[in-house]
Amino acid sequence: MSKAIIEDYFRTYNSESPDALRDFYHPDIVLHTADGALRGPDAILAVYKHIIAQFYDHMTPEHIACHGDEYGVDIRDRFTAKVAVADFMGHSFAEGESLELLLHARYRLREGRIVSADIRMAEES
């Protein structure tokens, strides 16, 4: 597989289209974050919908390393508030305010779709 599927995933993520994003997720996907695990496309997309209701969430993959069906990705993630947000990751935001994070993600594919993802702050990787 090539890194094109991961690049397509980020383009789709940034388009704010949950239905299109669903196509990238294997039915058995597990997303691991510092807050715990989300299992299945529905759980992941519920969180995604909650985030994009409040923020423009733009992920930029800055480096993609491919090892078979596994990918390591360094990501610059910029959240810009669409509305006032009282609490997100311990911060409050006025409309238009932004937060930028540096993340590292590991993705594993099965049958051409993401079956496992582990996303952490870059310094936690």
Foldseek 3Di string as FASTA:
>chain_A
DDCVLVVVLLVVLLVLDLVVNLVQADQAAWEQEPVGIDGGSVRVSVVSNVQVVFWNWHKDFPDWDDDPQKIKTWIKIKTATCAWACDDPRDTDHHGDMDIFIKIKMFGDDPNHTRYMYIYGPVVD
